Amino acid sequence: MGPALPQLPDKLYFKIGEVASIVGVKPYVLRYWESEFSIVRPSKSRSKHRLYRRKDVETLLHIKHLLHDQRFTIEGARKRLRGVPREEPREPEAPPSEVLYRQLLRHLKEELESLAGLLR
């Protein structure tokens, strides 16, 4: 994507002021980008305040990188974002207990093979 992403706070939603600070632009720039990039659609609270999800913030950081660092035009950045492949749904990982169980079995197998080698 580009330079290292800033560490995002562990929150579900961010207010526009927080996002503007993280991304490094003014709030009006974020509102403009919302009108230009359909991929950015923050939800709104009952009081009509914008609430950005973590994915929205990451997308906005990517947009800033494209526009400011790589010097894309708005249209060029829009096309680039459309060309970015969506994350493929991954198979669910095994529950931690099963993963630990497999690691333990693998370790025991290695130990038994080591002991068998000593007995030969």
Protein backbone atom coordinates (compact mmCIF):
# COMPACT_ATOMS: atom_id res chain seq x y z
CA MET A 1 0.00 0.00 0.00
CA GLY A 2 2.79 2.45 0.79
CA PRO A 3 4.42 3.76 3.93
CA ALA A 4 3.77 2.12 7.27
CA LEU A 5 0.28 2.78 8.57
CA PRO A 6 -0.02 4.75 11.79
CA GLN A 7 -1.08 2.72 14.79
CA LEU A 8 -4.87 2.94 14.95
CA PRO A 9 -6.54 2.94 18.36
CA ASP A 10 -8.41 -0.25 19.18
CA LYS A 11 -11.90 1.13 18.63
CA LEU A 12 -14.89 0.16 16.51
CA TYR A 13 -15.80 3.69 15.41
CA PHE A 14 -13.91 6.95 14.98
CA LYS A 15 -15.28 10.50 14.84
CA ILE A 16 -14.37 12.75 11.93
CA GLY A 17 -11.93 14.82 14.04
CA GLU A 18 -10.05 11.69 15.10
CA VAL A 19 -9.90 10.42 11.53
CA ALA A 20 -8.72 13.81 10.25
CA SER A 21 -5.92 13.75 12.83
CA ILE A 22 -4.90 10.16 11.98
CA VAL A 23 -4.98 10.73 8.21
CA GLY A 24 -3.38 14.17 8.47
CA VAL A 25 -5.98 16.22 6.60
CA LYS A 26 -8.75 18.64 7.56
CA PRO A 27 -12.30 17.30 8.14
CA TYR A 28 -13.61 19.10 5.02
CA VAL A 29 -11.13 17.07 2.94
CA LEU A 30 -12.58 13.84 4.34
CA ARG A 31 -16.10 15.02 3.50
CA TYR A 32 -14.95 15.85 -0.05
CA TRP A 33 -13.31 12.45 -0.45
CA GLU A 34 -16.59 10.82 0.66
CA SER A 35 -18.31 12.57 -2.24
CA GLU A 36 -15.62 11.42 -4.71
CA PHE A 37 -14.94 7.86 -3.52
CA SER A 38 -18.01 5.67 -3.10
CA ILE A 39 -15.90 3.14 -1.19
CA VAL A 40 -15.86 5.53 1.80
CA ARG A 41 -19.29 5.62 3.39
CA PRO A 42 -19.19 6.29 7.13
CA SER A 43 -22.31 5.55 9.08
CA LYS A 44 -24.02 8.34 10.96
CA SER A 45 -25.12 8.53 14.56
CA ARG A 46 -28.60 9.63 15.60
CA SER A 47 -27.22 13.15 15.88
CA LYS A 48 -25.92 12.87 12.26
CA HIS A 49 -22.25 12.73 13.28
CA ARG A 50 -20.05 10.65 10.99
CA LEU A 51 -18.76 7.40 12.46
CA TYR A 52 -15.89 5.83 10.54
CA ARG A 53 -15.02 2.15 10.86
CA ARG A 54 -11.41 0.95 11.01
CA LYS A 55 -11.67 -0.19 7.36
CA ASP A 56 -12.81 3.33 6.37
CA VAL A 57 -9.78 4.85 8.10
CA GLU A 58 -7.43 2.41 6.34
CA THR A 59 -9.08 3.24 3.00
CA LEU A 60 -8.71 6.97 3.67
CA LEU A 61 -5.01 6.47 4.47
CA HIS A 62 -4.67 4.62 1.16
CA ILE A 63 -6.47 7.43 -0.67
CA LYS A 64 -4.17 10.01 0.91
CA HIS A 65 -1.14 7.96 -0.12
CA LEU A 66 -2.40 7.76 -3.71
CA LEU A 67 -3.25 11.46 -3.95
CA HIS A 68 -0.44 13.05 -1.96
CA ASP A 69 2.51 10.65 -2.23
CA GLN A 70 1.97 9.02 -5.62
CA ARG A 71 0.40 12.16 -7.13
CA PHE A 72 -2.65 10.43 -8.63
CA THR A 73 -5.59 12.52 -9.77
CA ILE A 74 -8.95 11.88 -8.10
CA GLU A 75 -10.05 9.87 -11.15
CA GLY A 76 -6.77 7.94 -11.23
CA ALA A 77 -7.03 7.11 -7.53
CA ARG A 78 -10.65 6.03 -8.04
CA LYS A 79 -9.59 3.66 -10.83
CA ARG A 80 -6.70 2.32 -8.76
CA LEU A 81 -9.02 1.62 -5.83
CA ARG A 82 -11.44 -0.21 -8.13
CA GLY A 83 -8.54 -2.33 -9.35
CA VAL A 84 -7.55 -3.38 -5.85
CA PRO A 85 -8.71 -6.96 -5.37
CA ARG A 86 -11.12 -7.54 -2.55
CA GLU A 87 -9.94 -9.73 0.27
CA GLU A 88 -10.84 -13.32 -0.43
CA PRO A 89 -12.91 -14.91 2.30
CA ARG A 90 -10.56 -17.14 4.20
CA GLU A 91 -11.39 -20.52 5.59
CA PRO A 92 -12.05 -20.26 9.29
CA GLU A 93 -9.01 -21.10 11.33
CA ALA A 94 -9.08 -23.99 13.72
CA PRO A 95 -10.10 -23.08 17.25
CA PRO A 96 -7.09 -22.21 19.42
CA SER A 97 -7.48 -25.41 21.39
CA GLU A 98 -7.14 -27.47 18.21
CA VAL A 99 -4.11 -25.47 17.06
CA LEU A 100 -2.44 -25.98 20.43
CA TYR A 101 -3.34 -29.65 20.32
CA ARG A 102 -1.71 -30.03 16.90
CA GLN A 103 1.43 -28.20 18.06
CA LEU A 104 1.65 -30.46 21.11
CA LEU A 105 1.27 -33.57 18.95
CA ARG A 106 3.93 -32.33 16.54
CA HIS A 107 6.29 -31.65 19.43
CA LEU A 108 5.64 -35.08 20.97
CA LYS A 109 6.24 -36.75 17.62
CA GLU A 110 9.60 -34.97 17.26
CA GLU A 111 10.58 -36.03 20.79
CA LEU A 112 9.62 -39.66 20.14
CA GLU A 113 11.56 -39.69 16.87
CA SER A 114 14.55 -38.27 18.71
CA LEU A 115 14.31 -40.96 21.40
CA ALA A 116 13.92 -43.67 18.77
CA GLY A 117 17.09 -42.41 17.09
CA LEU A 118 18.98 -42.74 20.37
CA LEU A 119 17.83 -46.36 20.81
CA ARG A 120 19.04 -47.48 17.38
